[in-house]
PDB file of N, CA and C in Angstrom:
ATOM      1  N   ALA A   1       0.825  -1.195   0.000  1.00  0.00           N
ATOM      2  CA  ALA A   1       0.000   0.000   0.000  1.00  0.00           C
ATOM      3  C   ALA A   1       0.868   1.257   0.000  1.00  0.00           C
ATOM      4  N   ALA A   2       2.032   1.179   0.644  1.00  0.00           N
ATOM      5  CA  ALA A   2       2.906   2.349   0.698  1.00  0.00           C
ATOM      6  C   ALA A   2       3.389   2.739  -0.689  1.00  0.00           C
ATOM      7  N   ALA A   3       3.636   1.759  -1.544  1.00  0.00           N
ATOM      8  CA  ALA A   3       4.112   2.054  -2.900  1.00  0.00           C
ATOM      9  C   ALA A   3       3.074   2.848  -3.683  1.00  0.00           C
ATOM     10  N   ALA A   4       1.812   2.600  -3.433  1.00  0.00           N
ATOM     11  CA  ALA A   4       0.753   3.321  -4.134  1.00  0.00           C
ATOM     12  C   ALA A   4       0.718   4.788  -3.719  1.00  0.00           C
ATOM     13  N   GLN A   5       1.237   5.089  -2.527  1.00  0.00           N
ATOM     14  CA  GLN A   5       1.243   6.459  -2.032  1.00  0.00           C
ATOM     15  C   GLN A   5       2.359   7.294  -2.658  1.00  0.00           C
ATOM     16  N   VAL A   6       3.390   6.654  -3.179  1.00  0.00           N
ATOM     17  CA  VAL A   6       4.535   7.366  -3.737  1.00  0.00           C
ATOM     18  C   VAL A   6       4.210   7.758  -5.174  1.00  0.00           C
ATOM     19  N   GLN A   7       4.031   9.042  -5.383  1.00  0.00           N
ATOM     20  CA  GLN A   7       3.675   9.530  -6.706  1.00  0.00           C
ATOM     21  C   GLN A   7       3.911  11.024  -6.775  1.00  0.00           C
ATOM     22  N   ASP A   8       3.911  11.535  -7.984  1.00  0.00           N
ATOM     23  CA  ASP A   8       3.975  12.974  -8.163  1.00  0.00           C
ATOM     24  C   ASP A   8       2.554  13.502  -8.088  1.00  0.00           C
ATOM     25  N   THR A   9       2.368  14.538  -7.301  1.00  0.00           N
ATOM     26  CA  THR A   9       1.061  15.144  -7.159  1.00  0.00           C
ATOM     27  C   THR A   9       1.165  16.595  -7.581  1.00  0.00           C
ATOM     28  N   ALA A  10       0.255  17.011  -8.431  1.00  0.00           N
ATOM     29  CA  ALA A  10       0.212  18.407  -8.843  1.00  0.00           C
ATOM     30  C   ALA A  10      -1.068  19.019  -8.289  1.00  0.00           C
ATOM     31  N   THR A  11      -1.050  20.330  -8.143  1.00  0.00           N
ATOM     32  CA  THR A  11      -2.209  21.046  -7.634  1.00  0.00           C
ATOM     33  C   THR A  11      -2.666  22.060  -8.669  1.00  0.00           C
ATOM     34  N   ALA A  12      -3.952  22.101  -8.917  1.00  0.00           N
ATOM     35  CA  ALA A  12      -4.520  23.096  -9.822  1.00  0.00           C
ATOM     36  C   ALA A  12      -5.534  23.927  -9.055  1.00  0.00           C
ATOM     37  N   ARG A  13      -5.504  25.237  -9.293  1.00  0.00           N
ATOM     38  CA  ARG A  13      -6.503  26.134  -8.709  1.00  0.00           C
ATOM     39  C   ARG A  13      -7.409  26.606  -9.839  1.00  0.00           C
ATOM     40  N   ILE A  14      -8.708  26.451  -9.626  1.00  0.00           N
ATOM     41  CA  ILE A  14      -9.685  26.739 -10.676  1.00  0.00           C
ATOM     42  C   ILE A  14     -10.724  27.716 -10.146  1.00  0.00           C
ATOM     43  N   HIS A  15     -10.946  28.802 -10.893  1.00  0.00           N
ATOM     44  CA  HIS A  15     -12.042  29.709 -10.552  1.00  0.00           C
ATOM     45  C   HIS A  15     -13.296  29.125 -11.187  1.00  0.00           C
ATOM     46  N   ILE A  16     -14.325  28.929 -10.365  1.00  0.00           N
ATOM     47  CA  ILE A  16     -15.565  28.304 -10.826  1.00  0.00           C
ATOM     48  C   ILE A  16     -16.689  29.328 -10.730  1.00  0.00           C
ATOM     49  N   SER A  17     -17.207  29.751 -11.878  1.00  0.00           N
ATOM     50  CA  SER A  17     -18.309  30.712 -11.847  1.00  0.00           C
ATOM     51  C   SER A  17     -19.616  30.014 -12.178  1.00  0.00           C
ATOM     52  N   GLY A  18     -20.688  30.537 -11.620  1.00  0.00           N
ATOM     53  CA  GLY A  18     -22.002  29.954 -11.835  1.00  0.00           C
ATOM     54  C   GLY A  18     -22.553  29.255 -10.607  1.00  0.00           C
ATOM     55  N   MET A  19     -21.755  29.171  -9.545  1.00  0.00           N
ATOM     56  CA  MET A  19     -22.242  28.557  -8.306  1.00  0.00           C
ATOM     57  C   MET A  19     -23.043  29.613  -7.553  1.00  0.00           C
ATOM     58  N   THR A  20     -24.275  29.261  -7.166  1.00  0.00           N
ATOM     59  CA  THR A  20     -25.163  30.251  -6.565  1.00  0.00           C
ATOM     60  C   THR A  20     -25.711  29.866  -5.197  1.00  0.00           C
ATOM     61  N   CYS A  21     -25.502  28.632  -4.770  1.00  0.00           N
ATOM     62  CA  CYS A  21     -26.090  28.220  -3.493  1.00  0.00           C
ATOM     63  C   CYS A  21     -25.122  27.325  -2.723  1.00  0.00           C
ATOM     64  N   ALA A  22     -25.484  26.999  -1.514  1.00  0.00           N
ATOM     65  CA  ALA A  22     -24.621  26.217  -0.639  1.00  0.00           C
ATOM     66  C   ALA A  22     -24.376  24.803  -1.152  1.00  0.00           C
ATOM     67  N   THR A  23     -25.252  24.285  -1.992  1.00  0.00           N
ATOM     68  CA  THR A  23     -25.094  22.938  -2.528  1.00  0.00           C
ATOM     69  C   THR A  23     -24.120  22.899  -3.702  1.00  0.00           C
ATOM     70  N   CYS A  24     -23.926  24.034  -4.359  1.00  0.00           N
ATOM     71  CA  CYS A  24     -23.091  24.083  -5.566  1.00  0.00           C
ATOM     72  C   CYS A  24     -21.657  23.584  -5.346  1.00  0.00           C
ATOM     73  N   PRO A  25     -20.969  23.988  -4.274  1.00  0.00           N
ATOM     74  CA  PRO A  25     -19.609  23.476  -4.090  1.00  0.00           C
ATOM     75  C   PRO A  25     -19.554  21.954  -3.963  1.00  0.00           C
ATOM     76  N   ALA A  26     -20.534  21.369  -3.308  1.00  0.00           N
ATOM     77  CA  ALA A  26     -20.571  19.910  -3.182  1.00  0.00           C
ATOM     78  C   ALA A  26     -20.766  19.270  -4.554  1.00  0.00           C
ATOM     79  N   THR A  27     -21.633  19.855  -5.365  1.00  0.00           N
ATOM     80  CA  THR A  27     -21.860  19.353  -6.720  1.00  0.00           C
ATOM     81  C   THR A  27     -20.573  19.415  -7.535  1.00  0.00           C
ATOM     82  N   ALA A  28     -19.880  20.555  -7.452  1.00  0.00           N
ATOM     83  CA  ALA A  28     -18.632  20.729  -8.199  1.00  0.00           C
ATOM     84  C   ALA A  28     -17.564  19.765  -7.690  1.00  0.00           C
ATOM     85  N   SER A  29     -17.469  19.606  -6.384  1.00  0.00           N
ATOM     86  CA  SER A  29     -16.471  18.725  -5.792  1.00  0.00           C
ATOM     87  C   SER A  29     -16.683  17.278  -6.224  1.00  0.00           C
ATOM     88  N   VAL A  30     -17.919  16.821  -6.205  1.00  0.00           N
ATOM     89  CA  VAL A  30     -18.235  15.456  -6.630  1.00  0.00           C
ATOM     90  C   VAL A  30     -17.874  15.277  -8.101  1.00  0.00           C
ATOM     91  N   ALA A  31     -18.184  16.269  -8.923  1.00  0.00           N
ATOM     92  CA  ALA A  31     -17.861  16.194 -10.350  1.00  0.00           C
ATOM     93  C   ALA A  31     -16.354  16.119 -10.563  1.00  0.00           C
ATOM     94  N   LEU A  32     -15.604  16.922  -9.813  1.00  0.00           N
ATOM     95  CA  LEU A  32     -14.147  16.917  -9.946  1.00  0.00           C
ATOM     96  C   LEU A  32     -13.564  15.566  -9.574  1.00  0.00           C
ATOM     97  N   LYS A  33     -14.094  14.964  -8.517  1.00  0.00           N
ATOM     98  CA  LYS A  33     -13.572  13.682  -8.050  1.00  0.00           C
ATOM     99  C   LYS A  33     -13.891  12.540  -9.007  1.00  0.00           C
ATOM    100  N   LYS A  34     -14.827  12.752  -9.938  1.00  0.00           N
ATOM    101  CA  LYS A  34     -15.158  11.731 -10.930  1.00  0.00           C
ATOM    102  C   LYS A  34     -14.157  11.700 -12.079  1.00  0.00           C
ATOM    103  N   VAL A  35     -13.315  12.733 -12.165  1.00  0.00           N
ATOM    104  CA  VAL A  35     -12.331  12.801 -13.250  1.00  0.00           C
ATOM    105  C   VAL A  35     -11.185  11.836 -12.952  1.00  0.00           C
ATOM    106  N   SER A  36     -10.882  10.975 -13.902  1.00  0.00           N
ATOM    107  CA  SER A  36      -9.801  10.016 -13.734  1.00  0.00           C
ATOM    108  C   SER A  36      -8.487  10.754 -13.534  1.00  0.00           C
ATOM    109  N   GLY A  37      -7.785  10.434 -12.461  1.00  0.00           N
ATOM    110  CA  GLY A  37      -6.517  11.088 -12.156  1.00  0.00           C
ATOM    111  C   GLY A  37      -6.623  12.119 -11.051  1.00  0.00           C
ATOM    112  N   VAL A  38      -7.849  12.542 -10.719  1.00  0.00           N
ATOM    113  CA  VAL A  38      -8.027  13.486  -9.612  1.00  0.00           C
ATOM    114  C   VAL A  38      -7.979  12.701  -8.311  1.00  0.00           C
ATOM    115  N   LEU A  39      -7.110  13.148  -7.410  1.00  0.00           N
ATOM    116  CA  LEU A  39      -6.921  12.458  -6.138  1.00  0.00           C
ATOM    117  C   LEU A  39      -7.774  13.068  -5.037  1.00  0.00           C
ATOM    118  N   ARG A  40      -7.930  14.386  -5.085  1.00  0.00           N
ATOM    119  CA  ARG A  40      -8.690  15.098  -4.051  1.00  0.00           C
ATOM    120  C   ARG A  40      -9.134  16.434  -4.615  1.00  0.00           C
ATOM    121  N   ALA A  41     -10.268  16.935  -4.137  1.00  0.00           N
ATOM    122  CA  ALA A  41     -10.748  18.241  -4.598  1.00  0.00           C
ATOM    123  C   ALA A  41     -11.537  18.916  -3.489  1.00  0.00           C
ATOM    124  N   THR A  42     -11.330  20.225  -3.355  1.00  0.00           N
ATOM    125  CA  THR A  42     -12.138  21.021  -2.442  1.00  0.00           C
ATOM    126  C   THR A  42     -12.660  22.222  -3.213  1.00  0.00           C
ATOM    127  N   VAL A  43     -13.879  22.626  -2.891  1.00  0.00           N
ATOM    128  CA  VAL A  43     -14.503  23.760  -3.568  1.00  0.00           C
ATOM    129  C   VAL A  43     -15.157  24.640  -2.516  1.00  0.00           C
ATOM    130  N   THR A  44     -14.936  25.957  -2.621  1.00  0.00           N
ATOM    131  CA  THR A  44     -15.570  26.895  -1.697  1.00  0.00           C
ATOM    132  C   THR A  44     -16.419  27.884  -2.473  1.00  0.00           C
ATOM    133  N   LEU A  45     -17.573  28.201  -1.905  1.00  0.00           N
ATOM    134  CA  LEU A  45     -18.516  29.111  -2.547  1.00  0.00           C
ATOM    135  C   LEU A  45     -18.083  30.567  -2.399  1.00  0.00           C
ATOM    136  N   ASP A  46     -17.566  30.944  -1.218  1.00  0.00           N
ATOM    137  CA  ASP A  46     -17.235  32.347  -0.938  1.00  0.00           C
ATOM    138  C   ASP A  46     -16.305  32.958  -1.974  1.00  0.00           C
ATOM    139  N   ASP A  47     -15.269  32.208  -2.364  1.00  0.00           N
ATOM    140  CA  ASP A  47     -14.316  32.746  -3.334  1.00  0.00           C
ATOM    141  C   ASP A  47     -14.388  32.034  -4.685  1.00  0.00           C
ATOM    142  N   SER A  48     -15.403  31.183  -4.873  1.00  0.00           N
ATOM    143  CA  SER A  48     -15.604  30.452  -6.137  1.00  0.00           C
ATOM    144  C   SER A  48     -14.342  29.714  -6.567  1.00  0.00           C
ATOM    145  N   LEU A  49     -13.678  29.105  -5.586  1.00  0.00           N
ATOM    146  CA  LEU A  49     -12.399  28.474  -5.849  1.00  0.00           C
ATOM    147  C   LEU A  49     -12.462  26.964  -5.704  1.00  0.00           C
ATOM    148  N   GLY A  50     -11.889  26.282  -6.678  1.00  0.00           N
ATOM    149  CA  GLY A  50     -11.702  24.845  -6.584  1.00  0.00           C
ATOM    150  C   GLY A  50     -10.213  24.559  -6.531  1.00  0.00           C
ATOM    151  N   VAL A  51      -9.803  23.723  -5.604  1.00  0.00           N
ATOM    152  CA  VAL A  51      -8.408  23.294  -5.528  1.00  0.00           C
ATOM    153  C   VAL A  51      -8.406  21.787  -5.750  1.00  0.00           C
ATOM    154  N   VAL A  52      -7.607  21.368  -6.730  1.00  0.00           N
ATOM    155  CA  VAL A  52      -7.609  19.970  -7.133  1.00  0.00           C
ATOM    156  C   VAL A  52      -6.192  19.409  -7.039  1.00  0.00           C
ATOM    157  N   TRP A  53      -6.058  18.285  -6.369  1.00  0.00           N
ATOM    158  CA  TRP A  53      -4.794  17.546  -6.315  1.00  0.00           C
ATOM    159  C   TRP A  53      -4.953  16.392  -7.288  1.00  0.00           C
ATOM    160  N   TYR A  54      -4.005  16.258  -8.210  1.00  0.00           N
ATOM    161  CA  TYR A  54      -4.164  15.262  -9.264  1.00  0.00           C
ATOM    162  C   TYR A  54      -2.827  14.658  -9.669  1.00  0.00           C
ATOM    163  N   ASP A  55      -2.922  13.551 -10.394  1.00  0.00           N
ATOM    164  CA  ASP A  55      -1.750  12.859 -10.929  1.00  0.00           C
ATOM    165  C   ASP A  55      -1.489  13.417 -12.331  1.00  0.00           C
ATOM    166  N   PRO A  56      -0.404  14.191 -12.510  1.00  0.00           N
ATOM    167  CA  PRO A  56      -0.161  14.831 -13.808  1.00  0.00           C
ATOM    168  C   PRO A  56       0.157  13.849 -14.931  1.00  0.00           C
ATOM    169  N   ARG A  57       0.408  12.597 -14.583  1.00  0.00           N
ATOM    170  CA  ARG A  57       0.637  11.581 -15.618  1.00  0.00           C
ATOM    171  C   ARG A  57      -0.674  11.084 -16.196  1.00  0.00           C
ATOM    172  N   ARG A  58      -1.778  11.370 -15.511  1.00  0.00           N
ATOM    173  CA  ARG A  58      -3.080  10.841 -15.947  1.00  0.00           C
ATOM    174  C   ARG A  58      -4.027  11.895 -16.497  1.00  0.00           C
ATOM    175  N   VAL A  59      -3.849  13.158 -16.069  1.00  0.00           N
ATOM    176  CA  VAL A  59      -4.808  14.185 -16.480  1.00  0.00           C
ATOM    177  C   VAL A  59      -4.133  15.556 -16.411  1.00  0.00           C
ATOM    178  N   THR A  60      -4.590  16.491 -17.241  1.00  0.00           N
ATOM    179  CA  THR A  60      -4.057  17.853 -17.223  1.00  0.00           C
ATOM    180  C   THR A  60      -5.062  18.790 -16.559  1.00  0.00           C
ATOM    181  N   PRO A  61      -4.604  19.940 -16.067  1.00  0.00           N
ATOM    182  CA  PRO A  61      -5.545  20.906 -15.483  1.00  0.00           C
ATOM    183  C   PRO A  61      -6.620  21.340 -16.480  1.00  0.00           C
ATOM    184  N   GLU A  62      -6.238  21.453 -17.739  1.00  0.00           N
ATOM    185  CA  GLU A  62      -7.216  21.838 -18.768  1.00  0.00           C
ATOM    186  C   GLU A  62      -8.312  20.782 -18.918  1.00  0.00           C
ATOM    187  N   GLN A  63      -7.919  19.520 -18.851  1.00  0.00           N
ATOM    188  CA  GLN A  63      -8.907  18.440 -18.932  1.00  0.00           C
ATOM    189  C   GLN A  63      -9.826  18.452 -17.719  1.00  0.00           C
ATOM    190  N   ILE A  64      -9.254  18.720 -16.549  1.00  0.00           N
ATOM    191  CA  ILE A  64     -10.051  18.784 -15.324  1.00  0.00           C
ATOM    192  C   ILE A  64     -11.087  19.899 -15.431  1.00  0.00           C
ATOM    193  N   ALA A  65     -10.655  21.077 -15.864  1.00  0.00           N
ATOM    194  CA  ALA A  65     -11.573  22.216 -16.002  1.00  0.00           C
ATOM    195  C   ALA A  65     -12.655  21.912 -17.033  1.00  0.00           C
ATOM    196  N   ALA A  66     -12.273  21.310 -18.154  1.00  0.00           N
ATOM    197  CA  ALA A  66     -13.254  20.978 -19.197  1.00  0.00           C
ATOM    198  C   ALA A  66     -14.283  19.975 -18.690  1.00  0.00           C
ATOM    199  N   HIS A  67     -13.835  18.966 -17.934  1.00  0.00           N
ATOM    200  CA  HIS A  67     -14.755  17.971 -17.375  1.00  0.00           C
ATOM    201  C   HIS A  67     -15.718  18.625 -16.387  1.00  0.00           C
ATOM    202  N   LEU A  68     -15.210  19.539 -15.564  1.00  0.00           N
ATOM    203  CA  LEU A  68     -16.077  20.209 -14.596  1.00  0.00           C
ATOM    204  C   LEU A  68     -17.191  20.952 -15.313  1.00  0.00           C
ATOM    205  N   THR A  69     -16.843  21.699 -16.352  1.00  0.00           N
ATOM    206  CA  THR A  69     -17.844  22.445 -17.115  1.00  0.00           C
ATOM    207  C   THR A  69     -18.837  21.499 -17.770  1.00  0.00           C
ATOM    208  N   LYS A  70     -18.329  20.408 -18.343  1.00  0.00           N
ATOM    209  CA  LYS A  70     -19.191  19.439 -19.024  1.00  0.00           C
ATOM    210  C   LYS A  70     -20.163  18.771 -18.054  1.00  0.00           C
ATOM    211  N   LEU A  71     -19.669  18.412 -16.866  1.00  0.00           N
ATOM    212  CA  LEU A  71     -20.497  17.685 -15.901  1.00  0.00           C
ATOM    213  C   LEU A  71     -21.477  18.570 -15.139  1.00  0.00           C
ATOM    214  N   THR A  72     -21.116  19.844 -14.936  1.00  0.00           N
ATOM    215  CA  THR A  72     -21.940  20.693 -14.064  1.00  0.00           C
ATOM    216  C   THR A  72     -22.541  21.915 -14.756  1.00  0.00           C
ATOM    217  N   GLY A  73     -21.934  22.367 -15.840  1.00  0.00           N
ATOM    218  CA  GLY A  73     -22.382  23.593 -16.483  1.00  0.00           C
ATOM    219  C   GLY A  73     -21.720  24.839 -15.911  1.00  0.00           C
ATOM    220  N   TYR A  74     -20.974  24.693 -14.826  1.00  0.00           N
ATOM    221  CA  TYR A  74     -20.240  25.835 -14.263  1.00  0.00           C
ATOM    222  C   TYR A  74     -19.088  26.182 -15.197  1.00  0.00           C
ATOM    223  N   LYS A  75     -18.745  27.443 -15.264  1.00  0.00           N
ATOM    224  CA  LYS A  75     -17.589  27.851 -16.059  1.00  0.00           C
ATOM    225  C   LYS A  75     -16.344  27.699 -15.194  1.00  0.00           C
ATOM    226  N   ALA A  76     -15.352  27.005 -15.711  1.00  0.00           N
ATOM    227  CA  ALA A  76     -14.120  26.745 -14.964  1.00  0.00           C
ATOM    228  C   ALA A  76     -12.949  27.404 -15.681  1.00  0.00           C
ATOM    229  N   ALA A  77     -12.215  28.245 -14.958  1.00  0.00           N
ATOM    230  CA  ALA A  77     -11.044  28.916 -15.523  1.00  0.00           C
ATOM    231  C   ALA A  77      -9.840  28.643 -14.637  1.00  0.00           C
ATOM    232  N   LEU A  78      -8.782  28.140 -15.244  1.00  0.00           N
ATOM    233  CA  LEU A  78      -7.561  27.880 -14.483  1.00  0.00           C
ATOM    234  C   LEU A  78      -6.945  29.200 -14.055  1.00  0.00           C
ATOM    235  N   LEU A  79      -6.507  29.270 -12.822  1.00  0.00           N
ATOM    236  CA  LEU A  79      -5.837  30.467 -12.318  1.00  0.00           C
ATOM    237  C   LEU A  79      -4.371  30.405 -12.720  1.00  0.00           C
ATOM    238  N   SER A  80      -3.757  31.548 -12.930  1.00  0.00           N
ATOM    239  CA  SER A  80      -2.398  31.604 -13.477  1.00  0.00           C
ATOM    240  C   SER A  80      -1.363  30.909 -12.604  1.00  0.00           C
ATOM    241  N   ASP A  81      -1.571  30.921 -11.291  1.00  0.00           N
ATOM    242  CA  ASP A  81      -0.617  30.252 -10.399  1.00  0.00           C
ATOM    243  C   ASP A  81      -1.047  28.817 -10.127  1.00  0.00           C
ATOM    244  N   SER A  82      -1.791  28.277 -11.047  1.00  0.00           N
ATOM    245  CA  SER A  82      -2.510  27.035 -10.838  1.00  0.00           C
ATOM    246  C   SER A  82      -1.652  25.805 -10.604  1.00  0.00           C
ATOM    247  N   THR A  83      -0.707  25.549 -11.460  1.00  0.00           N
ATOM    248  CA  THR A  83      -0.086  24.233 -11.465  1.00  0.00           C
ATOM    249  C   THR A  83       1.229  24.216 -10.714  1.00  0.00           C
ATOM    250  N   LYS A  84       1.277  23.369  -9.723  1.00  0.00           N
ATOM    251  CA  LYS A  84       2.502  23.180  -8.958  1.00  0.00           C
ATOM    252  C   LYS A  84       2.708  21.684  -8.809  1.00  0.00           C
ATOM    253  N   LEU A  85       3.909  21.245  -9.097  1.00  0.00           N
ATOM    254  CA  LEU A  85       4.230  19.837  -8.975  1.00  0.00           C
ATOM    255  C   LEU A  85       4.941  19.589  -7.658  1.00  0.00           C
ATOM    256  N   ARG A  86       4.494  18.613  -6.936  1.00  0.00           N
ATOM    257  CA  ARG A  86       5.117  18.280  -5.668  1.00  0.00           C
ATOM    258  C   ARG A  86       5.470  16.802  -5.667  1.00  0.00           C
ATOM    259  N   ARG A  87       6.695  16.506  -5.421  1.00  0.00           N
ATOM    260  CA  ARG A  87       7.124  15.113  -5.390  1.00  0.00           C
ATOM    261  C   ARG A  87       6.880  14.585  -3.980  1.00  0.00           C
ATOM    262  N   THR A  88       6.130  13.499  -3.897  1.00  0.00           N
ATOM    263  CA  THR A  88       5.770  12.957  -2.589  1.00  0.00           C
ATOM    264  C   THR A  88       6.502  11.643  -2.301  1.00  0.00           C
ATOM    265  N   SER A  89       7.542  11.366  -3.061  1.00  0.00           N
ATOM    266  CA  SER A  89       8.256  10.098  -2.877  1.00  0.00           C
ATOM    267  C   SER A  89       9.211  10.137  -1.695  1.00  0.00           C
ATOM    268  N   GLY A  90       9.571  11.346  -1.226  1.00  0.00           N
ATOM    269  CA  GLY A  90      10.483  11.462  -0.119  1.00  0.00           C
ATOM    270  C   GLY A  90      11.935  11.284  -0.537  1.00  0.00           C
ATOM    271  N   ALA A  91      12.166  11.107  -1.827  1.00  0.00           N
ATOM    272  CA  ALA A  91      13.533  10.889  -2.318  1.00  0.00           C
ATOM    273  C   ALA A  91      14.238  12.198  -2.589  1.00  0.00           C
TER     274      ALA A  91
END
């Protein structure tokens, strides 16, 4: 199980417009987690922000944003400081 934890993880920050109620972030979060390669996602209504941790070998931030729009109808725009790669192997 430990070997499965060792991977490169990237983070994408996405501005999500079109969310209007308290349920919207949960809807967006569930949609994000359905994207193959997404490991974790959080969405907040106050700042219309989605933060996604993903495997960059499996999916790109652009694909994640496109899937979110397709699944929910919300407009997703990648923020300029969006992509950061973090090596979690400890090496």
